[in-house]
Each structure stands twice: as C-alpha cells, then as structure tokens.
Amino acid sequence: ARQLGGTGEFTVNSTPAAVPIYSRLGFTATGPHEVANGFKYIPMRRE
C-alpha cells in the first residue's frame, strides 16, 4: 500500500474474537460494537 502511494492508514470491521490480533497490529477501536445483518463487529482503525 505504501509503495502504491497509500498513507498507511487502514480501517477494518473486526469480529470480537479478532480484536486482540488487530490491536497487536496497531489498530484501535473507533467505536462500540455494531451489528449488521446479524453479525457483530467492532470498527477499528490503524493510524
């Protein structure tokens, strides 16, 4: 992404179980959990 000129900023919708993994990769939660189509997720962002 950086080679292609990206800023290095990413967002994900993490499952609750994957939050610790994304946290280790530099992501932080940007809000409370949400539910869409029956799936629970936590929006996260990596600066």
All heavy atoms as atom14 arrays in JSON, in Angstrom:
{
  "sequence": "ARQLGGTGEFTVNSTPAAVPIYSRLGFTATGPHEVANGFKYIPMRRE",
  "atom14_mask": [
    [1, 1, 1, 1, 1, 0, 0, 0, 0, 0, 0, 0, 0, 0],
    [1, 1, 1, 1, 1, 1, 1, 1, 1, 1, 1, 0, 0, 0],
    [1, 1, 1, 1, 1, 1, 1, 1, 1, 0, 0, 0, 0, 0],
    [1, 1, 1, 1, 1, 1, 1, 1, 0, 0, 0, 0, 0, 0],
    [1, 1, 1, 1, 0, 0, 0, 0, 0, 0, 0, 0, 0, 0],
    [1, 1, 1, 1, 0, 0, 0, 0, 0, 0, 0, 0, 0, 0],
    [1, 1, 1, 1, 1, 1, 1, 0, 0, 0, 0, 0, 0, 0],
    [1, 1, 1, 1, 0, 0, 0, 0, 0, 0, 0, 0, 0, 0],
    [1, 1, 1, 1, 1, 1, 1, 1, 1, 0, 0, 0, 0, 0],
    [1, 1, 1, 1, 1, 1, 1, 1, 1, 1, 1, 0, 0, 0],
    [1, 1, 1, 1, 1, 1, 1, 0, 0, 0, 0, 0, 0, 0],
    [1, 1, 1, 1, 1, 1, 1, 0, 0, 0, 0, 0, 0, 0],
    [1, 1, 1, 1, 1, 1, 1, 1, 0, 0, 0, 0, 0, 0],
    [1, 1, 1, 1, 1, 1, 0, 0, 0, 0, 0, 0, 0, 0],
    [1, 1, 1, 1, 1, 1, 1, 0, 0, 0, 0, 0, 0, 0],
    [1, 1, 1, 1, 1, 1, 1, 0, 0, 0, 0, 0, 0, 0],
    [1, 1, 1, 1, 1, 0, 0, 0, 0, 0, 0, 0, 0, 0],
    [1, 1, 1, 1, 1, 0, 0, 0, 0, 0, 0, 0, 0, 0],
    [1, 1, 1, 1, 1, 1, 1, 0, 0, 0, 0, 0, 0, 0],
    [1, 1, 1, 1, 1, 1, 1, 0, 0, 0, 0, 0, 0, 0],
    [1, 1, 1, 1, 1, 1, 1, 1, 0, 0, 0, 0, 0, 0],
    [1, 1, 1, 1, 1, 1, 1, 1, 1, 1, 1, 1, 0, 0],
    [1, 1, 1, 1, 1, 1, 0, 0, 0, 0, 0, 0, 0, 0],
    [1, 1, 1, 1, 1, 1, 1, 1, 1, 1, 1, 0, 0, 0],
    [1, 1, 1, 1, 1, 1, 1, 1, 0, 0, 0, 0, 0, 0],
    [1, 1, 1, 1, 0, 0, 0, 0, 0, 0, 0, 0, 0, 0],
    [1, 1, 1, 1, 1, 1, 1, 1, 1, 1, 1, 0, 0, 0],
    [1, 1, 1, 1, 1, 1, 1, 0, 0, 0, 0, 0, 0, 0],
    [1, 1, 1, 1, 1, 0, 0, 0, 0, 0, 0, 0, 0, 0],
    [1, 1, 1, 1, 1, 1, 1, 0, 0, 0, 0, 0, 0, 0],
    [1, 1, 1, 1, 0, 0, 0, 0, 0, 0, 0, 0, 0, 0],
    [1, 1, 1, 1, 1, 1, 1, 0, 0, 0, 0, 0, 0, 0],
    [1, 1, 1, 1, 1, 1, 1, 1, 1, 1, 0, 0, 0, 0],
    [1, 1, 1, 1, 1, 1, 1, 1, 1, 0, 0, 0, 0, 0],
    [1, 1, 1, 1, 1, 1, 1, 0, 0, 0, 0, 0, 0, 0],
    [1, 1, 1, 1, 1, 0, 0, 0, 0, 0, 0, 0, 0, 0],
    [1, 1, 1, 1, 1, 1, 1, 1, 0, 0, 0, 0, 0, 0],
    [1, 1, 1, 1, 0, 0, 0, 0, 0, 0, 0, 0, 0, 0],
    [1, 1, 1, 1, 1, 1, 1, 1, 1, 1, 1, 0, 0, 0],
    [1, 1, 1, 1, 1, 1, 1, 1, 1, 0, 0, 0, 0, 0],
    [1, 1, 1, 1, 1, 1, 1, 1, 1, 1, 1, 1, 0, 0],
    [1, 1, 1, 1, 1, 1, 1, 1, 0, 0, 0, 0, 0, 0],
    [1, 1, 1, 1, 1, 1, 1, 0, 0, 0, 0, 0, 0, 0],
    [1, 1, 1, 1, 1, 1, 1, 1, 0, 0, 0, 0, 0, 0],
    [1, 1, 1, 1, 1, 1, 1, 1, 1, 1, 1, 0, 0, 0],
    [1, 1, 1, 1, 1, 1, 1, 1, 1, 1, 1, 0, 0, 0],
    [1, 1, 1, 1, 1, 1, 1, 1, 1, 0, 0, 0, 0, 0]
  ],
  "atom14_positions": [
    [[0.83, -1.21, 0.0], [0.0, 0.0, 0.0], [0.87, 1.25, 0.0], [0.59, 2.21, -0.72], [-0.93, 0.0, 1.2], [0.0, 0.0, 0.0], [0.0, 0.0, 0.0], [0.0, 0.0, 0.0], [0.0, 0.0, 0.0], [0.0, 0.0, 0.0], [0.0, 0.0, 0.0], [0.0, 0.0, 0.0], [0.0, 0.0, 0.0], [0.0, 0.0, 0.0]],
    [[1.94, 1.24, 0.78], [2.84, 2.39, 0.82], [3.56, 2.57, -0.51], [3.75, 3.69, -0.97], [3.83, 2.24, 1.97], [3.18, 2.48, 3.31], [4.15, 2.37, 4.44], [3.51, 2.71, 5.7], [3.98, 2.36, 6.87], [5.1, 1.66, 6.96], [3.35, 2.7, 7.96], [0.0, 0.0, 0.0], [0.0, 0.0, 0.0], [0.0, 0.0, 0.0]],
    [[3.97, 1.46, -1.15], [4.63, 1.54, -2.45], [3.71, 2.18, -3.48], [4.16, 2.88, -4.39], [5.02, 0.15, -2.94], [6.19, -0.47, -2.23], [6.42, -1.92, -2.64], [5.6, -2.52, -3.35], [7.52, -2.49, -2.2], [0.0, 0.0, 0.0], [0.0, 0.0, 0.0], [0.0, 0.0, 0.0], [0.0, 0.0, 0.0], [0.0, 0.0, 0.0]],
    [[2.42, 1.92, -3.36], [1.45, 2.44, -4.3], [0.97, 3.84, -3.93], [0.06, 4.37, -4.54], [0.26, 1.49, -4.41], [0.59, 0.11, -4.99], [-0.61, -0.82, -4.9], [1.05, 0.23, -6.44], [0.0, 0.0, 0.0], [0.0, 0.0, 0.0], [0.0, 0.0, 0.0], [0.0, 0.0, 0.0], [0.0, 0.0, 0.0], [0.0, 0.0, 0.0]],
    [[1.61, 4.44, -2.91], [1.28, 5.81, -2.55], [0.24, 5.96, -1.47], [-0.21, 7.07, -1.21], [0.0, 0.0, 0.0], [0.0, 0.0, 0.0], [0.0, 0.0, 0.0], [0.0, 0.0, 0.0], [0.0, 0.0, 0.0], [0.0, 0.0, 0.0], [0.0, 0.0, 0.0], [0.0, 0.0, 0.0], [0.0, 0.0, 0.0], [0.0, 0.0, 0.0]],
    [[-0.16, 4.87, -0.85], [-1.14, 4.94, 0.23], [-0.56, 5.61, 1.46], [0.66, 5.72, 1.62], [0.0, 0.0, 0.0], [0.0, 0.0, 0.0], [0.0, 0.0, 0.0], [0.0, 0.0, 0.0], [0.0, 0.0, 0.0], [0.0, 0.0, 0.0], [0.0, 0.0, 0.0], [0.0, 0.0, 0.0], [0.0, 0.0, 0.0], [0.0, 0.0, 0.0]],
    [[-1.43, 6.06, 2.32], [-0.99, 6.77, 3.52], [-0.56, 5.82, 4.63], [0.05, 6.25, 5.6], [-2.13, 7.64, 4.08], [-3.2, 6.78, 4.49], [-2.61, 8.64, 3.06], [0.0, 0.0, 0.0], [0.0, 0.0, 0.0], [0.0, 0.0, 0.0], [0.0, 0.0, 0.0], [0.0, 0.0, 0.0], [0.0, 0.0, 0.0], [0.0, 0.0, 0.0]],
    [[-0.9, 4.55, 4.5], [-0.61, 3.61, 5.57], [-1.71, 3.56, 6.6], [-1.6, 2.92, 7.62], [0.0, 0.0, 0.0], [0.0, 0.0, 0.0], [0.0, 0.0, 0.0], [0.0, 0.0, 0.0], [0.0, 0.0, 0.0], [0.0, 0.0, 0.0], [0.0, 0.0, 0.0], [0.0, 0.0, 0.0], [0.0, 0.0, 0.0], [0.0, 0.0, 0.0]],
    [[-2.82, 4.24, 6.34], [-3.96, 4.27, 7.25], [-4.98, 3.23, 6.79], [-5.32, 3.18, 5.61], [-4.57, 5.66, 7.24], [-5.63, 5.88, 8.26], [-6.01, 7.35, 8.3], [-5.19, 8.16, 8.76], [-7.11, 7.66, 7.84], [0.0, 0.0, 0.0], [0.0, 0.0, 0.0], [0.0, 0.0, 0.0], [0.0, 0.0, 0.0], [0.0, 0.0, 0.0]],
    [[-5.43, 2.38, 7.73], [-6.35, 1.31, 7.38], [-7.52, 1.28, 8.35], [-7.38, 1.68, 9.51], [-5.65, -0.05, 7.47], [-4.62, -0.28, 6.41], [-3.34, 0.21, 6.56], [-4.94, -0.98, 5.26], [-2.37, 0.0, 5.58], [-3.98, -1.19, 4.28], [-2.71, -0.7, 4.44], [0.0, 0.0, 0.0], [0.0, 0.0, 0.0], [0.0, 0.0, 0.0]],
    [[-8.65, 0.78, 7.88], [-9.8, 0.52, 8.74], [-10.26, -0.91, 8.53], [-10.09, -1.48, 7.44], [-10.98, 1.48, 8.45], [-11.39, 1.3, 7.1], [-10.6, 2.93, 8.7], [0.0, 0.0, 0.0], [0.0, 0.0, 0.0], [0.0, 0.0, 0.0], [0.0, 0.0, 0.0], [0.0, 0.0, 0.0], [0.0, 0.0, 0.0], [0.0, 0.0, 0.0]],
    [[-10.81, -1.51, 9.58], [-11.37, -2.86, 9.5], [-12.62, -2.91, 10.36], [-12.79, -2.12, 11.28], [-10.38, -3.95, 9.98], [-9.17, -4.03, 9.09], [-9.98, -3.76, 11.42], [0.0, 0.0, 0.0], [0.0, 0.0, 0.0], [0.0, 0.0, 0.0], [0.0, 0.0, 0.0], [0.0, 0.0, 0.0], [0.0, 0.0, 0.0], [0.0, 0.0, 0.0]],
    [[-13.47, -3.86, 10.07], [-14.59, -4.22, 10.93], [-14.24, -5.58, 11.51], [-14.37, -6.6, 10.85], [-15.9, -4.26, 10.15], [-16.36, -2.88, 9.74], [-16.09, -1.91, 10.44], [-17.04, -2.78, 8.63], [0.0, 0.0, 0.0], [0.0, 0.0, 0.0], [0.0, 0.0, 0.0], [0.0, 0.0, 0.0], [0.0, 0.0, 0.0], [0.0, 0.0, 0.0]],
    [[-13.75, -5.58, 12.74], [-13.22, -6.78, 13.38], [-14.3, -7.57, 14.11], [-15.17, -6.98, 14.77], [-12.13, -6.39, 14.38], [-11.69, -7.51, 15.11], [0.0, 0.0, 0.0], [0.0, 0.0, 0.0], [0.0, 0.0, 0.0], [0.0, 0.0, 0.0], [0.0, 0.0, 0.0], [0.0, 0.0, 0.0], [0.0, 0.0, 0.0], [0.0, 0.0, 0.0]],
    [[-14.21, -8.88, 14.02], [-15.05, -9.7, 14.9], [-14.54, -9.5, 16.32], [-13.37, -9.16, 16.52], [-14.96, -11.19, 14.53], [-13.6, -11.63, 14.75], [-15.38, -11.45, 13.1], [0.0, 0.0, 0.0], [0.0, 0.0, 0.0], [0.0, 0.0, 0.0], [0.0, 0.0, 0.0], [0.0, 0.0, 0.0], [0.0, 0.0, 0.0], [0.0, 0.0, 0.0]],
    [[-15.39, -9.69, 17.32], [-14.92, -9.53, 18.7], [-13.7, -10.41, 19.02], [-12.78, -9.97, 19.7], [-16.13, -9.93, 19.54], [-17.3, -9.58, 18.66], [-16.85, -9.93, 17.27], [0.0, 0.0, 0.0], [0.0, 0.0, 0.0], [0.0, 0.0, 0.0], [0.0, 0.0, 0.0], [0.0, 0.0, 0.0], [0.0, 0.0, 0.0], [0.0, 0.0, 0.0]],
    [[-13.66, -11.61, 18.48], [-12.54, -12.53, 18.76], [-11.23, -12.05, 18.15], [-10.15, -12.37, 18.65], [-12.87, -13.92, 18.25], [0.0, 0.0, 0.0], [0.0, 0.0, 0.0], [0.0, 0.0, 0.0], [0.0, 0.0, 0.0], [0.0, 0.0, 0.0], [0.0, 0.0, 0.0], [0.0, 0.0, 0.0], [0.0, 0.0, 0.0], [0.0, 0.0, 0.0]],
    [[-11.27, -11.26, 17.08], [-10.06, -10.82, 16.39], [-9.52, -9.49, 16.9], [-8.44, -9.08, 16.5], [-10.32, -10.73, 14.89], [0.0, 0.0, 0.0], [0.0, 0.0, 0.0], [0.0, 0.0, 0.0], [0.0, 0.0, 0.0], [0.0, 0.0, 0.0], [0.0, 0.0, 0.0], [0.0, 0.0, 0.0], [0.0, 0.0, 0.0], [0.0, 0.0, 0.0]],
    [[-10.23, -8.84, 17.81], [-9.77, -7.54, 18.32], [-8.36, -7.61, 18.89], [-7.53, -6.74, 18.57], [-10.78, -6.95, 19.33], [-10.19, -5.77, 20.09], [-12.06, -6.53, 18.61], [0.0, 0.0, 0.0], [0.0, 0.0, 0.0], [0.0, 0.0, 0.0], [0.0, 0.0, 0.0], [0.0, 0.0, 0.0], [0.0, 0.0, 0.0], [0.0, 0.0, 0.0]],
    [[-8.0, -8.61, 19.7], [-6.63, -8.65, 20.22], [-5.57, -8.76, 19.11], [-4.49, -8.17, 19.22], [-6.61, -9.89, 21.11], [-8.03, -10.11, 21.49], [-8.82, -9.66, 20.3], [0.0, 0.0, 0.0], [0.0, 0.0, 0.0], [0.0, 0.0, 0.0], [0.0, 0.0, 0.0], [0.0, 0.0, 0.0], [0.0, 0.0, 0.0], [0.0, 0.0, 0.0]],
    [[-5.88, -9.48, 18.07], [-4.93, -9.63, 16.96], [-4.74, -8.29, 16.26], [-3.62, -7.84, 16.02], [-5.4, -10.71, 15.98], [-5.4, -12.07, 16.68], [-4.53, -10.73, 14.72], [-6.12, -13.16, 15.92], [0.0, 0.0, 0.0], [0.0, 0.0, 0.0], [0.0, 0.0, 0.0], [0.0, 0.0, 0.0], [0.0, 0.0, 0.0], [0.0, 0.0, 0.0]],
    [[-5.85, -7.63, 15.93], [-5.75, -6.32, 15.28], [-5.06, -5.3, 16.19], [-4.3, -4.46, 15.72], [-7.12, -5.82, 14.83], [-7.61, -6.47, 13.57], [-8.72, -7.3, 13.57], [-6.96, -6.24, 12.36], [-9.16, -7.9, 12.4], [-7.39, -6.83, 11.19], [-8.5, -7.66, 11.22], [-8.93, -8.25, 10.05], [0.0, 0.0, 0.0], [0.0, 0.0, 0.0]],
    [[-5.31, -5.4, 17.48], [-4.66, -4.48, 18.42], [-3.14, -4.65, 18.38], [-2.4, -3.67, 18.39], [-5.16, -4.72, 19.85], [-6.52, -4.36, 19.95], [0.0, 0.0, 0.0], [0.0, 0.0, 0.0], [0.0, 0.0, 0.0], [0.0, 0.0, 0.0], [0.0, 0.0, 0.0], [0.0, 0.0, 0.0], [0.0, 0.0, 0.0], [0.0, 0.0, 0.0]],
    [[-2.67, -5.89, 18.3], [-1.23, -6.14, 18.2], [-0.65, -5.58, 16.91], [0.54, -5.28, 16.83], [-0.93, -7.64, 18.31], [-1.0, -8.16, 19.72], [-0.38, -9.53, 19.84], [-1.06, -10.56, 19.07], [-2.04, -11.34, 19.52], [-2.46, -11.21, 20.76], [-2.58, -12.24, 18.75], [0.0, 0.0, 0.0], [0.0, 0.0, 0.0], [0.0, 0.0, 0.0]],
    [[-1.48, -5.44, 15.89], [-1.02, -4.89, 14.6], [-1.15, -3.38, 14.54], [-0.93, -2.78, 13.49], [-1.8, -5.55, 13.46], [-1.57, -7.04, 13.28], [-2.51, -7.6, 12.22], [-0.13, -7.34, 12.92], [0.0, 0.0, 0.0], [0.0, 0.0, 0.0], [0.0, 0.0, 0.0], [0.0, 0.0, 0.0], [0.0, 0.0, 0.0], [0.0, 0.0, 0.0]],
    [[-1.52, -2.74, 15.64], [-1.57, -1.29, 15.7], [-2.95, -0.67, 15.53], [-3.07, 0.55, 15.47], [0.0, 0.0, 0.0], [0.0, 0.0, 0.0], [0.0, 0.0, 0.0], [0.0, 0.0, 0.0], [0.0, 0.0, 0.0], [0.0, 0.0, 0.0], [0.0, 0.0, 0.0], [0.0, 0.0, 0.0], [0.0, 0.0, 0.0], [0.0, 0.0, 0.0]],
    [[-3.99, -1.48, 15.45], [-5.35, -0.96, 15.3], [-5.94, -0.62, 16.66], [-5.61, -1.25, 17.66], [-6.25, -2.0, 14.63], [-6.0, -2.19, 13.15], [-4.98, -3.01, 12.71], [-6.8, -1.56, 12.22], [-4.75, -3.19, 11.35], [-6.58, -1.73, 10.86], [-5.55, -2.55, 10.42], [0.0, 0.0, 0.0], [0.0, 0.0, 0.0], [0.0, 0.0, 0.0]],
    [[-6.81, 0.38, 16.68], [-7.57, 0.72, 17.89], [-9.04, 0.82, 17.52], [-9.39, 1.19, 16.4], [-7.1, 2.06, 18.51], [-7.21, 3.08, 17.53], [-5.68, 1.97, 19.01], [0.0, 0.0, 0.0], [0.0, 0.0, 0.0], [0.0, 0.0, 0.0], [0.0, 0.0, 0.0], [0.0, 0.0, 0.0], [0.0, 0.0, 0.0], [0.0, 0.0, 0.0]],
    [[-9.89, 0.49, 18.47], [-11.33, 0.57, 18.24], [-11.73, 2.03, 18.06], [-11.22, 2.91, 18.76], [-12.09, -0.05, 19.4], [0.0, 0.0, 0.0], [0.0, 0.0, 0.0], [0.0, 0.0, 0.0], [0.0, 0.0, 0.0], [0.0, 0.0, 0.0], [0.0, 0.0, 0.0], [0.0, 0.0, 0.0], [0.0, 0.0, 0.0], [0.0, 0.0, 0.0]],
    [[-12.63, 2.28, 17.12], [-13.08, 3.65, 16.88], [-14.52, 3.87, 17.33], [-15.06, 4.95, 17.15], [-12.97, 4.01, 15.38], [-13.74, 3.09, 14.62], [-11.51, 3.99, 14.93], [0.0, 0.0, 0.0], [0.0, 0.0, 0.0], [0.0, 0.0, 0.0], [0.0, 0.0, 0.0], [0.0, 0.0, 0.0], [0.0, 0.0, 0.0], [0.0, 0.0, 0.0]],
    [[-15.12, 2.85, 17.91], [-16.48, 2.97, 18.39], [-16.92, 1.69, 19.07], [-16.16, 0.71, 19.11], [0.0, 0.0, 0.0], [0.0, 0.0, 0.0], [0.0, 0.0, 0.0], [0.0, 0.0, 0.0], [0.0, 0.0, 0.0], [0.0, 0.0, 0.0], [0.0, 0.0, 0.0], [0.0, 0.0, 0.0], [0.0, 0.0, 0.0], [0.0, 0.0, 0.0]],
    [[-18.13, 1.69, 19.58], [-18.65, 0.49, 20.22], [-18.99, -0.57, 19.17], [-18.99, -0.29, 17.97], [-19.92, 0.98, 20.91], [-20.37, 2.14, 20.09], [-19.1, 2.78, 19.57], [0.0, 0.0, 0.0], [0.0, 0.0, 0.0], [0.0, 0.0, 0.0], [0.0, 0.0, 0.0], [0.0, 0.0, 0.0], [0.0, 0.0, 0.0], [0.0, 0.0, 0.0]],
    [[-19.29, -1.78, 19.65], [-19.64, -2.84, 18.7], [-20.92, -2.45, 17.96], [-21.74, -1.69, 18.45], [-19.8, -4.19, 19.4], [-21.11, -4.38, 20.07], [-21.34, -4.0, 21.38], [-22.28, -4.9, 19.62], [-22.59, -4.29, 21.69], [-23.18, -4.83, 20.65], [0.0, 0.0, 0.0], [0.0, 0.0, 0.0], [0.0, 0.0, 0.0], [0.0, 0.0, 0.0]],
    [[-21.02, -2.96, 16.75], [-22.2, -2.73, 15.92], [-22.68, -4.07, 15.41], [-21.96, -5.07, 15.46], [-21.84, -1.81, 14.75], [-21.35, -0.44, 15.2], [-21.04, 0.5, 14.04], [-21.63, 0.34, 12.97], [-20.19, 1.38, 14.24], [0.0, 0.0, 0.0], [0.0, 0.0, 0.0], [0.0, 0.0, 0.0], [0.0, 0.0, 0.0], [0.0, 0.0, 0.0]],
    [[-23.9, -4.1, 14.9], [-24.45, -5.33, 14.34], [-25.03, -5.0, 12.97], [-25.78, -4.03, 12.81], [-25.56, -5.93, 15.24], [-26.16, -7.17, 14.61], [-25.02, -6.24, 16.63], [0.0, 0.0, 0.0], [0.0, 0.0, 0.0], [0.0, 0.0, 0.0], [0.0, 0.0, 0.0], [0.0, 0.0, 0.0], [0.0, 0.0, 0.0], [0.0, 0.0, 0.0]],
    [[-24.64, -5.78, 11.97], [-25.16, -5.62, 10.62], [-25.45, -7.0, 10.06], [-24.59, -7.88, 10.1], [-24.16, -4.88, 9.73], [0.0, 0.0, 0.0], [0.0, 0.0, 0.0], [0.0, 0.0, 0.0], [0.0, 0.0, 0.0], [0.0, 0.0, 0.0], [0.0, 0.0, 0.0], [0.0, 0.0, 0.0], [0.0, 0.0, 0.0], [0.0, 0.0, 0.0]],
    [[-26.65, -7.2, 9.59], [-27.08, -8.48, 9.03], [-26.82, -9.64, 9.99], [-26.44, -10.73, 9.58], [-26.38, -8.75, 7.69], [-26.73, -7.71, 6.66], [-27.89, -7.29, 6.55], [-25.76, -7.27, 5.9], [0.0, 0.0, 0.0], [0.0, 0.0, 0.0], [0.0, 0.0, 0.0], [0.0, 0.0, 0.0], [0.0, 0.0, 0.0], [0.0, 0.0, 0.0]],
    [[-26.99, -9.38, 11.28], [-26.81, -10.41, 12.29], [-25.37, -10.65, 12.72], [-25.11, -11.5, 13.56], [0.0, 0.0, 0.0], [0.0, 0.0, 0.0], [0.0, 0.0, 0.0], [0.0, 0.0, 0.0], [0.0, 0.0, 0.0], [0.0, 0.0, 0.0], [0.0, 0.0, 0.0], [0.0, 0.0, 0.0], [0.0, 0.0, 0.0], [0.0, 0.0, 0.0]],
    [[-24.42, -9.91, 12.15], [-23.01, -10.08, 12.5], [-22.55, -8.94, 13.4], [-22.73, -7.77, 13.07], [-22.13, -10.13, 11.25], [-22.36, -11.36, 10.42], [-23.22, -11.31, 9.33], [-21.75, -12.55, 10.75], [-23.44, -12.45, 8.57], [-21.97, -13.69, 10.0], [-22.82, -13.63, 8.91], [0.0, 0.0, 0.0], [0.0, 0.0, 0.0], [0.0, 0.0, 0.0]],
    [[-21.93, -9.29, 14.52], [-21.4, -8.31, 15.45], [-19.96, -7.99, 15.06], [-19.17, -8.89, 14.77], [-21.44, -8.87, 16.87], [-21.04, -7.92, 17.95], [-21.21, -8.59, 19.31], [-20.86, -7.66, 20.44], [-21.08, -8.28, 21.75], [0.0, 0.0, 0.0], [0.0, 0.0, 0.0], [0.0, 0.0, 0.0], [0.0, 0.0, 0.0], [0.0, 0.0, 0.0]],
    [[-19.62, -6.69, 15.03], [-18.26, -6.29, 14.71], [-17.89, -5.01, 15.46], [-18.76, -4.3, 15.95], [-18.07, -6.09, 13.21], [-18.85, -4.94, 12.63], [-18.29, -3.67, 12.55], [-20.15, -5.11, 12.15], [-19.0, -2.6, 12.02], [-20.87, -4.06, 11.62], [-20.29, -2.8, 11.56], [-21.0, -1.75, 11.05], [0.0, 0.0, 0.0], [0.0, 0.0, 0.0]],
    [[-16.61, -4.77, 15.55], [-16.08, -3.57, 16.18], [-15.29, -2.8, 15.12], [-14.35, -3.34, 14.53], [-15.15, -3.91, 17.37], [-15.93, -4.58, 18.5], [-14.46, -2.66, 17.92], [-15.99, -6.05, 18.4], [0.0, 0.0, 0.0], [0.0, 0.0, 0.0], [0.0, 0.0, 0.0], [0.0, 0.0, 0.0], [0.0, 0.0, 0.0], [0.0, 0.0, 0.0]],
    [[-15.68, -1.57, 14.81], [-14.9, -0.79, 13.84], [-13.54, -0.42, 14.44], [-13.47, 0.0, 15.6], [-15.77, 0.45, 13.58], [-16.66, 0.57, 14.77], [-16.82, -0.82, 15.32], [0.0, 0.0, 0.0], [0.0, 0.0, 0.0], [0.0, 0.0, 0.0], [0.0, 0.0, 0.0], [0.0, 0.0, 0.0], [0.0, 0.0, 0.0], [0.0, 0.0, 0.0]],
    [[-12.48, -0.6, 13.65], [-11.14, -0.31, 14.13], [-10.36, 0.45, 13.05], [-10.69, 0.37, 11.87], [-10.39, -1.6, 14.48], [-11.07, -2.42, 15.56], [-10.12, -3.86, 16.06], [-8.93, -3.06, 17.18], [0.0, 0.0, 0.0], [0.0, 0.0, 0.0], [0.0, 0.0, 0.0], [0.0, 0.0, 0.0], [0.0, 0.0, 0.0], [0.0, 0.0, 0.0]],
    [[-9.33, 1.16, 13.51], [-8.53, 1.98, 12.59], [-7.07, 1.88, 13.0], [-6.74, 1.81, 14.18], [-8.99, 3.43, 12.71], [-8.25, 4.39, 11.84], [-8.94, 5.76, 11.95], [-8.28, 6.71, 11.1], [-7.76, 7.84, 11.51], [-7.83, 8.18, 12.78], [-7.18, 8.65, 10.68], [0.0, 0.0, 0.0], [0.0, 0.0, 0.0], [0.0, 0.0, 0.0]],
    [[-6.22, 1.9, 12.01], [-4.77, 1.91, 12.25], [-4.24, 3.2, 11.67], [-4.36, 3.47, 10.48], [-4.09, 0.74, 11.56], [-2.6, 0.68, 11.87], [-1.94, -0.37, 10.98], [-0.52, -0.42, 11.22], [0.37, 0.43, 10.73], [0.0, 1.41, 9.97], [1.65, 0.29, 11.0], [0.0, 0.0, 0.0], [0.0, 0.0, 0.0], [0.0, 0.0, 0.0]],
    [[-3.65, 4.01, 12.53], [-3.09, 5.3, 12.11], [-1.91, 5.09, 11.17], [-1.2, 4.11, 11.26], [-2.62, 6.1, 13.33], [-3.71, 6.44, 14.31], [-4.63, 7.54, 13.83], [-4.22, 8.34, 12.97], [-5.77, 7.57, 14.29], [0.0, 0.0, 0.0], [0.0, 0.0, 0.0], [0.0, 0.0, 0.0], [0.0, 0.0, 0.0], [0.0, 0.0, 0.0]]
  ]
}
